[in-house]
Amino acid sequence: MAVMNDDDTTSVARMCFTRQQAEFGQMLLEGSGAQSVIRADDAGGMRAYMTPVTGVRLVVKTKDVERAGDILWPIFSSTRAMDA
């Protein structure tokens, strides 16, 4: 699990349709050494039907957003993920 301090500014690296898609992206980022968190308004996964409406945000430190884009682009460029 990623640990981010209150001092860290964050940016959305990718907006996804599902929590599973965001979790896959998070695994890719963590495997590359980039910390990330998932923000979703889906009641902790209990209301997954809301994610196509509200989206699932894959959030990284602002200083890592370009690197995260480079890591995620080859995978998510061919999917119908929402643009951040």
C-alpha atoms as a PDB file:
ATOM      1  CA  MET A   1       0.000   0.000   0.000  1.00  0.00           C
ATOM      2  CA  ALA A   2       1.275   3.429  -0.910  1.00  0.00           C
ATOM      3  CA  VAL A   3       2.076   5.915   1.805  1.00  0.00           C
ATOM      4  CA  MET A   4       1.830   9.567   0.897  1.00  0.00           C
ATOM      5  CA  ASN A   5       2.453  12.439   3.287  1.00  0.00           C
ATOM      6  CA  ASP A   6       0.204  15.448   3.734  1.00  0.00           C
ATOM      7  CA  ASP A   7       2.985  17.506   2.136  1.00  0.00           C
ATOM      8  CA  ASP A   8       2.771  15.575  -1.132  1.00  0.00           C
ATOM      9  CA  THR A   9       0.822  17.240  -3.907  1.00  0.00           C
ATOM     10  CA  THR A  10      -1.013  14.758  -6.075  1.00  0.00           C
ATOM     11  CA  SER A  11      -2.339  14.570  -9.610  1.00  0.00           C
ATOM     12  CA  VAL A  12      -4.576  12.157 -11.463  1.00  0.00           C
ATOM     13  CA  ALA A  13      -2.405   9.911 -13.606  1.00  0.00           C
ATOM     14  CA  ARG A  14      -5.346   8.078 -15.167  1.00  0.00           C
ATOM     15  CA  MET A  15      -9.120   8.049 -14.940  1.00  0.00           C
ATOM     16  CA  CYS A  16     -10.552   4.545 -15.310  1.00  0.00           C
ATOM     17  CA  PHE A  17     -14.021   3.067 -15.727  1.00  0.00           C
ATOM     18  CA  THR A  18     -13.562   0.270 -13.158  1.00  0.00           C
ATOM     19  CA  ARG A  19     -11.745  -0.268  -9.887  1.00  0.00           C
ATOM     20  CA  GLN A  20     -10.130  -3.391 -11.367  1.00  0.00           C
ATOM     21  CA  GLN A  21      -8.636  -1.365 -14.208  1.00  0.00           C
ATOM     22  CA  ALA A  22      -7.264   1.158 -11.691  1.00  0.00           C
ATOM     23  CA  GLU A  23      -5.860  -1.631  -9.495  1.00  0.00           C
ATOM     24  CA  PHE A  24      -4.066  -3.107 -12.503  1.00  0.00           C
ATOM     25  CA  GLY A  25      -2.553   0.297 -13.246  1.00  0.00           C
ATOM     26  CA  GLN A  26      -1.566   0.647  -9.605  1.00  0.00           C
ATOM     27  CA  MET A  27       0.252  -2.704  -9.747  1.00  0.00           C
ATOM     28  CA  LEU A  28       2.176  -1.543 -12.815  1.00  0.00           C
ATOM     29  CA  LEU A  29       3.170   1.681 -11.098  1.00  0.00           C
ATOM     30  CA  GLU A  30       4.203  -0.006  -7.870  1.00  0.00           C
ATOM     31  CA  GLY A  31       6.239  -2.540  -9.856  1.00  0.00           C
ATOM     32  CA  SER A  32       8.101   0.414 -11.338  1.00  0.00           C
ATOM     33  CA  GLY A  33       8.653   2.038  -7.947  1.00  0.00           C
ATOM     34  CA  ALA A  34       6.019   4.785  -8.251  1.00  0.00           C
ATOM     35  CA  GLN A  35       3.616   5.231  -5.343  1.00  0.00           C
ATOM     36  CA  SER A  36      -0.067   5.599  -6.155  1.00  0.00           C
ATOM     37  CA  VAL A  37      -3.492   5.561  -4.556  1.00  0.00           C
ATOM     38  CA  ILE A  38      -6.945   4.846  -5.927  1.00  0.00           C
ATOM     39  CA  ARG A  39      -9.782   7.283  -5.357  1.00  0.00           C
ATOM     40  CA  ALA A  40     -13.283   6.118  -6.178  1.00  0.00           C
ATOM     41  CA  ASP A  41     -16.739   7.176  -5.105  1.00  0.00           C
ATOM     42  CA  ASP A  42     -18.120   3.631  -5.018  1.00  0.00           C
ATOM     43  CA  ALA A  43     -18.632   3.019  -1.284  1.00  0.00           C
ATOM     44  CA  GLY A  44     -15.516   0.876  -1.021  1.00  0.00           C
ATOM     45  CA  GLY A  45     -16.541  -1.267  -3.970  1.00  0.00           C
ATOM     46  CA  MET A  46     -20.076  -1.881  -2.678  1.00  0.00           C
ATOM     47  CA  ARG A  47     -21.610   0.328  -5.372  1.00  0.00           C
ATOM     48  CA  ALA A  48     -19.491  -0.526  -8.378  1.00  0.00           C
ATOM     49  CA  TYR A  49     -22.336   0.495 -10.683  1.00  0.00           C
ATOM     50  CA  MET A  50     -21.436   4.126  -9.892  1.00  0.00           C
ATOM     51  CA  THR A  51     -17.902   3.987 -11.282  1.00  0.00           C
ATOM     52  CA  PRO A  52     -18.834   4.497 -14.960  1.00  0.00           C
ATOM     53  CA  VAL A  53     -20.517   7.713 -13.850  1.00  0.00           C
ATOM     54  CA  THR A  54     -17.996   9.025 -11.339  1.00  0.00           C
ATOM     55  CA  GLY A  55     -14.850   7.285 -12.586  1.00  0.00           C
ATOM     56  CA  VAL A  56     -12.010   5.754 -10.633  1.00  0.00           C
ATOM     57  CA  ARG A  57      -8.949   7.958 -10.262  1.00  0.00           C
ATOM     58  CA  LEU A  58      -5.432   6.580 -10.167  1.00  0.00           C
ATOM     59  CA  VAL A  59      -3.516   9.262  -8.266  1.00  0.00           C
ATOM     60  CA  VAL A  60       0.248   9.767  -8.026  1.00  0.00           C
ATOM     61  CA  LYS A  61       2.552  12.407  -6.604  1.00  0.00           C
ATOM     62  CA  THR A  62       2.638  15.390  -8.952  1.00  0.00           C
ATOM     63  CA  LYS A  63       6.373  14.958  -9.451  1.00  0.00           C
ATOM     64  CA  ASP A  64       5.721  11.408 -10.749  1.00  0.00           C
ATOM     65  CA  VAL A  65       2.787  12.137 -13.077  1.00  0.00           C
ATOM     66  CA  GLU A  66       4.853  12.216 -16.292  1.00  0.00           C
ATOM     67  CA  ARG A  67       6.644   8.989 -15.374  1.00  0.00           C
ATOM     68  CA  ALA A  68       3.305   7.364 -14.502  1.00  0.00           C
ATOM     69  CA  GLY A  69       1.938   8.386 -17.891  1.00  0.00           C
ATOM     70  CA  ASP A  70       4.893   6.734 -19.606  1.00  0.00           C
ATOM     71  CA  ILE A  71       4.317   3.527 -17.627  1.00  0.00           C
ATOM     72  CA  LEU A  72       0.554   3.417 -18.149  1.00  0.00           C
ATOM     73  CA  TRP A  73       0.300   4.622 -21.751  1.00  0.00           C
ATOM     74  CA  PRO A  74       1.324   1.350 -23.490  1.00  0.00           C
ATOM     75  CA  ILE A  75      -1.316  -0.573 -21.539  1.00  0.00           C
ATOM     76  CA  PHE A  76      -4.193   1.902 -21.405  1.00  0.00           C
ATOM     77  CA  SER A  77      -3.788   3.498 -24.838  1.00  0.00           C
ATOM     78  CA  SER A  78      -5.683   0.611 -26.454  1.00  0.00           C
ATOM     79  CA  THR A  79      -8.463   0.503 -23.842  1.00  0.00           C
ATOM     80  CA  ARG A  80     -11.461   2.759 -23.490  1.00  0.00           C
ATOM     81  CA  ALA A  81     -10.285   4.306 -20.229  1.00  0.00           C
ATOM     82  CA  MET A  82     -11.485   7.812 -19.509  1.00  0.00           C
ATOM     83  CA  ASP A  83      -9.004  10.578 -20.188  1.00  0.00           C
ATOM     84  CA  ALA A  84      -7.698  12.319 -17.100  1.00  0.00           C
END
